[in-house]
C-alpha cells in the first residue's frame, strides 16, 4: 500500500487526505496546530474527526527539515520542552503548507495595536477576543470582509473596511459568474449584509498610510489612492482608533518545498497537471502554488491526493481544479498590489520590525556599490535576519530593493540546539 505523508491540515491538506484515502493509500497528516482546519476552518475542527480517524493524525508536529521525501519532524507543542524527533520516509509527499498575511510597511505599522488581518481574525474566531473598540480594517483583497465579520461578531466597533484598489479595478477583475460557480456569490452577499446591519462602510480606493501613537496606535491616517496606489494629495483624513487590522493579500510559505529541491516560479511552487513538483514523489497544493482561496486549495488538494496515491486524477477533479484556478486569476486581477506603494514611506519608516531596519537603511545599502546583491544587503542591514526570518518583511524588502526573496533555509522551522544535537531520531 502506498504511504502518503501530507504536511498541512488546511483545506488543501484535508482534501488531499480524503482523496488519497479514497485512492487506497495509507495516509499520515501532520500539522503544527493542535486541531485541523487551518485558518479557514478555525473553530470547526469537529467537521474533520471522521476523516482523520481514518488517517494517522499528528497534531502539534513541526516539519523542520526535508531531504527529498525524507521528512524530519518534531512532535510536541512548539513551546514545549519535551519534543522528540521522528523521521518519516513515505512513498509520496504532499506539501500543503499554505500562506501567511502580507502586510506592506507604512509609518507607524510597528506600533502595538496594529494587527495583521489574519491575527485579528484568529483572536476573534479562536479566542472570542476583540482587538479593539474602534477598529479600521484596511488593505487589499476579499479576506478583509470575513475579518470584519469576525470582529463585529465579537463586539468590536469596525469604523470601515478600506480596499486600496479603486472600484474600477475590483469590478474589472471579479466575475460574478465565476463567483456564483464557486458558491462565492452567496458568501459575498452574507458579508455585505453583515456590514450593512452593523453600518460598516466598505470603501474602495482608500487605505491607511500612517499609524500614530506613543505607547500604542491612537490615530490612523487614510488617503485616497490612484490605481497605482500613489496617494492623491489633499485626501488625507485622520481617524481616532485603538486598533488597526491590515492585510495586503498573502504570500506562500515555500521553505519546505525549497528544502526538498522544488523549483519555484514567481515565488510559488511550479507544479504539473497532477500537482507534481519538479522533485520525484513530491506534490504541492493550495496557496503554495498560487493564492486562490479555500475552494482552489481544496480542488488542488484533491488532485494531489489522488496522484500521490499513484492513481490518475479523475477528469471531474481536474475540471474543478481548473475552474478554481481561473477564478484565482480573476481574484489577482481584482486586488493587485499597486507599484507606487513605496511612496507612503519615509526614511525613518521601519521595514524590518524584528531588526528595526528602516527604509533609509535599505536605500543606503542598495546604493552602496561595494555590497551588491541580496545576500550582502541582508548582512549589511539585518533585514530578514530576525526571529521571523523575513516572513513579515521579505516581500516588501524584495520590492524595495529589486531583489528576489531568499527562501532557502536548511532548517525550515525553529528548533532548539539541544533538539538538533540529539542523535536520537525515531523512525516512524
Protein backbone atom coordinates (compact mmCIF):
# COMPACT_ATOMS: atom_id res chain seq x y z
CA UNK A 1 0.00 0.00 0.00
CA UNK A 2 1.30 3.47 -0.92
CA UNK A 3 2.15 5.63 2.09
CA UNK A 4 1.38 9.32 1.58
CA UNK A 5 2.51 11.97 4.07
CA UNK A 6 0.67 15.29 3.94
CA UNK A 7 2.17 18.39 5.57
CA UNK A 8 -0.59 20.84 6.47
CA UNK A 9 -4.18 20.26 7.60
CA UNK A 10 -5.88 23.24 5.97
CA UNK A 11 -8.33 22.99 3.04
CA UNK A 12 -5.65 21.68 0.64
CA UNK A 13 -4.16 19.13 3.03
CA UNK A 14 -7.51 17.78 4.20
CA UNK A 15 -8.76 17.40 0.62
CA UNK A 16 -5.51 15.61 -0.27
CA UNK A 17 -6.02 13.25 2.68
CA UNK A 18 -9.61 12.50 1.71
CA UNK A 19 -8.77 11.66 -1.89
CA UNK A 20 -5.57 9.76 -1.13
CA UNK A 21 -7.64 7.57 1.20
CA UNK A 22 -10.28 7.12 -1.50
CA UNK A 23 -7.49 6.02 -3.87
CA UNK A 24 -6.42 3.33 -1.42
CA UNK A 25 -3.36 4.91 0.18
CA UNK A 26 -2.18 4.86 3.77
CA UNK A 27 -2.17 8.49 4.90
CA UNK A 28 -0.31 10.43 7.59
CA UNK A 29 -1.31 14.07 8.16
CA UNK A 30 0.98 16.49 10.02
CA UNK A 31 0.20 19.98 11.26
CA UNK A 32 1.76 22.41 13.71
CA UNK A 33 -1.64 23.28 15.19
CA UNK A 34 -3.39 21.13 17.77
CA UNK A 35 -6.58 20.99 15.69
CA UNK A 36 -7.18 20.55 11.94
CA UNK A 37 -8.74 23.05 9.56
CA UNK A 38 -6.17 25.79 9.20
CA UNK A 39 -7.15 29.46 9.33
CA UNK A 40 -10.17 29.00 7.07
CA UNK A 41 -11.85 26.29 9.16
CA UNK A 42 -10.71 27.65 12.53
CA UNK A 43 -13.23 26.69 15.19
CA UNK A 44 -14.79 23.94 13.06
CA UNK A 45 -12.29 21.12 13.62
CA UNK A 46 -15.10 18.72 14.62
CA UNK A 47 -16.06 18.53 10.94
CA UNK A 48 -12.92 16.54 10.19
CA UNK A 49 -12.98 13.97 13.01
CA UNK A 50 -14.33 11.19 10.78
CA UNK A 51 -11.78 11.88 8.03
CA UNK A 52 -8.82 11.99 10.39
CA UNK A 53 -9.95 8.86 12.22
CA UNK A 54 -9.05 7.01 9.01
CA UNK A 55 -5.55 8.57 8.89
CA UNK A 56 -2.55 8.71 11.13
CA UNK A 57 -3.12 12.21 12.53
CA UNK A 58 -0.17 14.03 14.09
CA UNK A 59 -1.14 17.43 15.51
CA UNK A 60 1.45 19.70 17.12
CA UNK A 61 4.06 18.32 14.75
CA UNK A 62 6.63 20.62 13.18
CA UNK A 63 8.43 19.62 10.00
CA UNK A 64 11.78 21.33 10.48
CA UNK A 65 13.72 19.84 7.55
CA UNK A 66 13.31 17.79 4.38
CA UNK A 67 15.77 15.66 2.45
CA UNK A 68 13.92 14.86 -0.72
CA UNK A 69 10.93 12.84 0.56
CA UNK A 70 12.52 12.15 3.96
CA UNK A 71 10.56 14.20 6.49
CA UNK A 72 12.18 15.33 9.75
CA UNK A 73 9.52 16.04 12.38
CA UNK A 74 9.49 17.45 15.89
CA UNK A 75 6.48 16.14 17.80
CA UNK A 76 5.07 18.16 20.67
CA UNK A 77 3.92 21.73 21.36
CA UNK A 78 6.14 24.39 19.78
CA UNK A 79 6.80 25.95 23.21
CA UNK A 80 7.19 22.58 24.95
CA UNK A 81 10.46 21.25 26.33
CA UNK A 82 9.92 17.55 25.69
CA UNK A 83 9.55 17.43 21.91
CA UNK A 84 11.06 14.40 20.22
CA UNK A 85 12.41 13.90 16.73
CA UNK A 86 10.84 11.48 14.27
CA UNK A 87 11.76 10.68 10.67
CA UNK A 88 9.25 9.61 8.03
CA UNK A 89 10.11 8.12 4.64
CA UNK A 90 6.86 7.96 2.67
CA UNK A 91 6.31 6.82 -0.88
CA UNK A 92 4.87 10.25 -1.71
CA UNK A 93 4.80 13.62 -0.01
CA UNK A 94 2.12 16.31 -0.39
CA UNK A 95 3.11 19.81 0.73
CA UNK A 96 0.12 21.94 1.69
CA UNK A 97 1.84 24.49 3.90
CA UNK A 98 -0.38 27.41 2.90
CA UNK A 99 0.39 31.09 3.14
CA UNK A 100 0.55 33.90 5.64
CA UNK A 101 -0.57 37.52 5.64
CA UNK A 102 1.28 40.02 3.53
CA UNK A 103 1.41 43.48 5.10
CA UNK A 104 3.06 46.40 3.36
CA UNK A 105 5.00 48.67 5.70
CA UNK A 106 3.84 52.20 6.43
CA UNK A 107 4.90 54.76 9.04
CA UNK A 108 3.83 53.51 12.47
CA UNK A 109 2.93 49.94 11.47
CA UNK A 110 5.19 48.64 14.24
CA UNK A 111 3.05 50.23 16.99
CA UNK A 112 1.16 47.98 19.44
CA UNK A 113 -2.43 47.75 18.30
CA UNK A 114 -1.57 47.25 14.62
CA UNK A 115 -2.54 43.68 13.74
CA UNK A 116 -2.33 41.61 10.62
CA UNK A 117 -5.79 40.79 9.35
CA UNK A 118 -5.18 37.09 9.96
CA UNK A 119 -4.08 37.62 13.56
CA UNK A 120 -7.16 39.71 14.30
CA UNK A 121 -9.42 37.06 12.82
CA UNK A 122 -7.64 34.26 14.71
CA UNK A 123 -8.18 36.09 18.01
CA UNK A 124 -11.84 36.69 17.17
CA UNK A 125 -12.66 33.20 15.90
CA UNK A 126 -10.39 31.17 18.15
CA UNK A 127 -10.42 33.12 21.42
CA UNK A 128 -13.52 35.33 21.07
CA UNK A 129 -11.30 38.36 21.67
CA UNK A 130 -11.96 41.73 20.02
CA UNK A 131 -8.72 43.57 19.23
CA UNK A 132 -10.31 46.96 19.91
CA UNK A 133 -13.42 49.11 20.26
CA UNK A 134 -12.65 51.45 17.35
CA UNK A 135 -11.06 49.41 14.57
CA UNK A 136 -10.19 50.13 10.95
CA UNK A 137 -9.79 47.17 8.58
CA UNK A 138 -7.65 48.10 5.57
CA UNK A 139 -5.55 46.67 2.77
CA UNK A 140 -6.49 44.69 -0.31
CA UNK A 141 -8.42 41.55 -1.11
CA UNK A 142 -11.69 39.84 -0.20
CA UNK A 143 -10.18 38.45 3.03
CA UNK A 144 -10.87 41.84 4.61
CA UNK A 145 -14.60 41.03 4.57
CA UNK A 146 -14.56 37.86 6.73
CA UNK A 147 -12.10 39.60 9.05
CA UNK A 148 -14.56 42.46 9.55
CA UNK A 149 -17.40 39.98 10.05
CA UNK A 150 -15.41 38.13 12.72
CA UNK A 151 -14.65 41.40 14.50
CA UNK A 152 -18.23 42.63 14.65
CA UNK A 153 -19.28 39.16 15.76
CA UNK A 154 -17.24 39.57 18.96
CA UNK A 155 -18.37 43.13 19.61
CA UNK A 156 -15.64 45.22 18.00
CA UNK A 157 -16.66 48.57 16.56
CA UNK A 158 -15.46 48.46 12.95
CA UNK A 159 -15.28 52.01 11.57
CA UNK A 160 -14.84 50.94 7.95
CA UNK A 161 -13.38 48.37 5.59
CA UNK A 162 -10.96 50.04 3.19
CA UNK A 163 -9.96 48.35 -0.09
CA UNK A 164 -6.90 50.08 -1.58
CA UNK A 165 -7.79 49.31 -5.19
CA UNK A 166 -10.33 51.58 -6.90
CA UNK A 167 -13.77 50.24 -7.74
CA UNK A 168 -12.92 50.03 -11.45
CA UNK A 169 -10.02 47.64 -10.75
CA UNK A 170 -12.02 45.50 -8.34
CA UNK A 171 -15.08 45.20 -10.59
CA UNK A 172 -12.92 44.68 -13.67
CA UNK A 173 -11.24 41.67 -12.12
CA UNK A 174 -14.19 39.99 -10.47
CA UNK A 175 -16.53 37.79 -12.45
CA UNK A 176 -19.92 37.28 -10.85
CA UNK A 177 -20.46 34.16 -12.94
CA UNK A 178 -17.22 32.65 -11.63
CA UNK A 179 -18.15 33.67 -8.09
CA UNK A 180 -21.54 32.00 -8.43
CA UNK A 181 -19.94 28.82 -9.76
CA UNK A 182 -17.79 28.53 -6.65
CA UNK A 183 -20.57 29.46 -4.24
CA UNK A 184 -18.84 32.77 -3.56
CA UNK A 185 -21.78 34.95 -4.56
CA UNK A 186 -23.80 33.91 -1.51
CA UNK A 187 -20.74 34.30 0.68
CA UNK A 188 -20.12 37.84 -0.58
CA UNK A 189 -23.79 38.69 -0.10
CA UNK A 190 -23.61 37.46 3.50
CA UNK A 191 -20.59 39.64 4.24
CA UNK A 192 -22.28 42.64 2.64
CA UNK A 193 -25.39 42.02 4.74
CA UNK A 194 -23.37 41.76 7.95
CA UNK A 195 -21.54 45.01 7.23
CA UNK A 196 -24.81 46.77 6.33
CA UNK A 197 -26.55 45.62 9.53
CA UNK A 198 -23.70 46.97 11.61
CA UNK A 199 -23.43 50.14 9.49
CA UNK A 200 -19.85 49.41 8.49
CA UNK A 201 -18.97 51.19 5.23
CA UNK A 202 -16.92 49.44 2.54
CA UNK A 203 -14.81 51.94 0.63
CA UNK A 204 -12.59 51.37 -2.38
CA UNK A 205 -9.58 53.39 -3.48
CA UNK A 206 -8.61 54.36 0.09
CA UNK A 207 -6.21 52.89 2.63
CA UNK A 208 -4.21 53.53 5.79
CA UNK A 209 -0.90 55.28 5.02
CA UNK A 210 0.21 56.08 8.59
CA UNK A 211 -0.44 54.97 12.18
CA UNK A 212 0.22 57.42 15.01
CA UNK A 213 0.58 56.99 18.74
CA UNK A 214 3.03 56.91 21.59
CA UNK A 215 2.63 53.71 23.62
CA UNK A 216 0.18 52.24 21.07
CA UNK A 217 -1.79 53.22 17.99
CA UNK A 218 -4.12 56.15 18.66
CA UNK A 219 -4.77 57.54 15.19
CA UNK A 220 -4.84 56.27 11.64
CA UNK A 221 -4.25 58.47 8.61
CA UNK A 222 -6.08 57.32 5.49
CA UNK A 223 -5.86 58.67 1.97
CA UNK A 224 -7.44 58.15 -1.41
CA UNK A 225 -5.24 56.25 -3.87
CA UNK A 226 -4.86 56.22 -7.61
CA UNK A 227 -4.90 52.90 -9.47
CA UNK A 228 -1.12 52.53 -8.97
CA UNK A 229 -1.59 53.19 -5.22
CA UNK A 230 0.05 56.61 -5.28
CA UNK A 231 -1.58 59.00 -2.80
CA UNK A 232 -3.93 61.69 -4.10
CA UNK A 233 -2.69 64.88 -2.37
CA UNK A 234 -5.20 66.61 -0.13
CA UNK A 235 -7.33 63.50 0.51
CA UNK A 236 -5.73 62.57 3.85
CA UNK A 237 -8.10 62.01 6.77
CA UNK A 238 -7.25 61.27 10.42
CA UNK A 239 -9.32 58.78 12.42
CA UNK A 240 -9.27 58.06 16.15
CA UNK A 241 -8.70 54.30 16.59
CA UNK A 242 -7.46 51.86 19.18
CA UNK A 243 -6.63 49.10 16.68
CA UNK A 244 -5.78 48.62 13.01
CA UNK A 245 -6.20 45.35 11.10
CA UNK A 246 -4.16 45.41 7.89
CA UNK A 247 -3.65 42.85 5.14
CA UNK A 248 -2.48 43.18 1.55
CA UNK A 249 -3.13 39.62 0.42
CA UNK A 250 -0.96 36.61 1.14
CA UNK A 251 2.48 35.21 0.44
CA UNK A 252 3.18 31.46 0.26
CA UNK A 253 5.31 29.51 2.71
CA UNK A 254 7.65 27.65 0.34
CA UNK A 255 10.53 26.91 2.73
CA UNK A 256 9.86 23.16 2.87
CA UNK A 257 9.36 22.96 -0.88
CA UNK A 258 12.67 24.74 -1.45
CA UNK A 259 14.36 22.43 1.08
CA UNK A 260 13.05 19.46 -0.90
CA UNK A 261 14.55 20.92 -4.08
CA UNK A 262 11.31 22.01 -5.76
CA UNK A 263 11.54 24.66 -8.49
CA UNK A 264 9.76 27.95 -7.82
CA UNK A 265 8.08 30.15 -10.39
CA UNK A 266 7.42 33.73 -9.32
CA UNK A 267 7.72 32.73 -5.67
CA UNK A 268 5.25 29.84 -5.99
CA UNK A 269 6.00 26.14 -6.38
CA UNK A 270 5.86 25.04 -10.00
CA UNK A 271 3.58 22.03 -10.48
CA UNK A 272 2.39 19.91 -13.37
CA UNK A 273 -1.15 18.99 -14.32
CA UNK A 274 -1.39 16.49 -11.46
CA UNK A 275 0.18 18.86 -8.85
CA UNK A 276 3.52 17.07 -9.17
CA UNK A 277 6.55 19.25 -8.41
CA UNK A 278 9.97 19.05 -10.06
CA UNK A 279 11.04 16.54 -7.37
CA UNK A 280 10.05 12.90 -7.85
CA UNK A 281 7.33 11.84 -5.44
CA UNK A 282 6.71 15.35 -4.06
CA UNK A 283 3.40 17.12 -4.75
CA UNK A 284 2.18 20.59 -3.77
CA UNK A 285 -1.31 22.04 -3.40
CA UNK A 286 -3.06 25.16 -2.19
CA UNK A 287 -1.66 28.63 -1.65
CA UNK A 288 1.83 27.20 -2.07
CA UNK A 289 1.21 27.06 -5.84
CA UNK A 290 -0.84 30.27 -6.16
CA UNK A 291 -3.13 32.38 -3.99
CA UNK A 292 -6.69 31.35 -4.79
CA UNK A 293 -8.66 30.86 -1.60
CA UNK A 294 -10.09 27.79 0.09
CA UNK A 295 -12.01 26.42 -2.90
CA UNK A 296 -8.94 26.47 -5.13
CA UNK A 297 -6.82 24.96 -2.36
CA UNK A 298 -9.28 22.12 -1.81
CA UNK A 299 -9.55 21.43 -5.55
CA UNK A 300 -5.77 21.24 -5.91
CA UNK A 301 -5.52 19.09 -2.80
CA UNK A 302 -8.00 16.61 -4.25
CA UNK A 303 -5.91 16.22 -7.40
CA UNK A 304 -2.67 15.98 -5.42
CA UNK A 305 -4.05 13.33 -3.06
CA UNK A 306 -5.26 11.13 -5.88
CA UNK A 307 -1.99 11.46 -7.81
CA UNK A 308 0.20 10.94 -4.73
CA UNK A 309 -1.59 7.65 -4.15
CA UNK A 310 -0.38 6.52 -7.58
CA UNK A 311 -3.71 6.95 -9.36
CA UNK A 312 -4.63 9.12 -12.33
CA UNK A 313 -6.83 12.03 -11.15
CA UNK A 314 -10.39 11.79 -12.44
CA UNK A 315 -11.44 14.21 -15.16
CA UNK A 316 -14.01 15.84 -12.88
CA UNK A 317 -11.35 16.69 -10.30
CA UNK A 318 -9.13 18.25 -12.93
CA UNK A 319 -12.02 20.25 -14.34
CA UNK A 320 -12.96 21.59 -10.91
CA UNK A 321 -9.34 22.48 -10.21
CA UNK A 322 -9.10 24.37 -13.50
CA UNK A 323 -12.32 26.29 -12.72
CA UNK A 324 -10.97 27.42 -9.37
CA UNK A 325 -7.64 28.42 -10.89
CA UNK A 326 -9.45 30.65 -13.38
CA UNK A 327 -11.28 32.30 -10.50
CA UNK A 328 -7.97 32.77 -8.67
CA UNK A 329 -6.57 34.61 -11.69
CA UNK A 330 -9.56 36.94 -11.64
CA UNK A 331 -9.05 37.47 -7.93
CA UNK A 332 -5.45 38.52 -8.52
CA UNK A 333 -6.58 40.94 -11.24
CA UNK A 334 -9.21 42.46 -8.92
CA UNK A 335 -6.88 43.03 -5.97
CA UNK A 336 -3.33 43.70 -7.22
CA UNK A 337 -0.56 45.41 -5.25
CA UNK A 338 -0.02 48.87 -6.73
CA UNK A 339 3.56 49.59 -7.75
CA UNK A 340 3.60 53.08 -6.17
CA UNK A 341 3.06 51.95 -2.56
CA UNK A 342 6.70 52.78 -1.55
CA UNK A 343 5.65 56.43 -1.87
CA UNK A 344 3.93 56.06 1.51
CA UNK A 345 7.29 55.52 3.22
CA UNK A 346 9.65 57.98 4.89
CA UNK A 347 13.34 57.36 5.50
CA UNK A 348 12.66 56.57 9.17
CA UNK A 349 9.85 54.11 8.39
CA UNK A 350 10.67 50.71 9.87
CA UNK A 351 10.54 48.00 7.20
CA UNK A 352 12.00 45.01 9.10
CA UNK A 353 10.35 45.14 12.51
CA UNK A 354 12.48 42.37 14.02
CA UNK A 355 15.76 44.20 13.38
CA UNK A 356 14.32 47.75 13.17
CA UNK A 357 15.79 48.24 9.70
CA UNK A 358 14.41 51.43 8.14
CA UNK A 359 13.61 52.40 4.59
CA UNK A 360 16.57 54.78 4.72
CA UNK A 361 18.90 51.94 5.75
CA UNK A 362 17.76 49.89 2.75
CA UNK A 363 18.16 52.76 0.30
CA UNK A 364 21.70 53.40 1.56
CA UNK A 365 22.60 49.71 1.26
CA UNK A 366 21.19 49.40 -2.25
CA UNK A 367 23.18 52.45 -3.38
CA UNK A 368 26.46 51.04 -1.99
CA UNK A 369 28.45 49.59 -4.94
CA UNK A 370 30.74 47.71 -2.54
CA UNK A 371 27.94 45.44 -1.31
CA UNK A 372 25.85 44.30 -4.29
CA UNK A 373 23.31 41.51 -4.20
CA UNK A 374 20.60 40.30 -1.78
CA UNK A 375 23.00 38.37 0.46
CA UNK A 376 25.16 41.42 1.12
CA UNK A 377 22.03 43.51 1.58
CA UNK A 378 20.81 41.20 4.34
CA UNK A 379 24.17 41.09 6.09
CA UNK A 380 24.58 44.84 5.87
CA UNK A 381 21.11 45.82 7.07
CA UNK A 382 19.98 42.74 9.05
CA UNK A 383 16.66 42.90 7.17
CA UNK A 384 15.03 39.49 7.30
CA UNK A 385 17.52 38.01 9.78
CA UNK A 386 15.38 38.40 12.90
CA UNK A 387 13.08 35.89 14.63
CA UNK A 388 10.54 35.81 11.78
CA UNK A 389 13.30 35.14 9.23
CA UNK A 390 11.83 37.54 6.70
CA UNK A 391 8.32 36.11 6.74
CA UNK A 392 6.86 39.53 7.54
CA UNK A 393 9.21 41.85 5.65
CA UNK A 394 10.69 39.60 2.94
CA UNK A 395 8.29 40.51 0.14
CA UNK A 396 8.50 44.24 0.95
CA UNK A 397 12.30 44.20 1.11
CA UNK A 398 12.40 42.40 -2.25
CA UNK A 399 10.08 45.02 -3.79
CA UNK A 400 12.03 47.94 -2.37
CA UNK A 401 15.47 46.60 -3.26
CA UNK A 402 14.75 44.95 -6.59
CA UNK A 403 15.96 41.55 -5.41
CA UNK A 404 14.25 38.17 -5.27
CA UNK A 405 13.25 36.73 -1.89
CA UNK A 406 15.59 34.10 -0.47
CA UNK A 407 13.66 31.07 0.77
CA UNK A 408 16.49 28.60 1.19
CA UNK A 409 16.65 27.67 4.86
CA UNK A 410 18.18 24.26 5.63
CA UNK A 411 16.35 24.44 8.96
CA UNK A 412 12.86 25.48 7.93
CA UNK A 413 11.36 25.94 11.38
CA UNK A 414 12.80 26.88 14.80
CA UNK A 415 14.50 24.00 16.61
CA UNK A 416 16.40 24.16 19.89
CA UNK A 417 20.12 23.46 19.80
CA UNK A 418 19.62 20.57 22.21
CA UNK A 419 16.99 19.05 19.93
CA UNK A 420 19.24 19.49 16.91
CA UNK A 421 22.19 17.91 18.72
CA UNK A 422 20.19 14.96 19.99
CA UNK A 423 21.37 11.93 17.97
CA UNK A 424 18.10 10.09 18.61
CA UNK A 425 15.66 10.31 15.75
CA UNK A 426 12.94 7.68 15.87
CA UNK A 427 11.93 6.16 12.53
CA UNK A 428 8.14 6.04 12.27
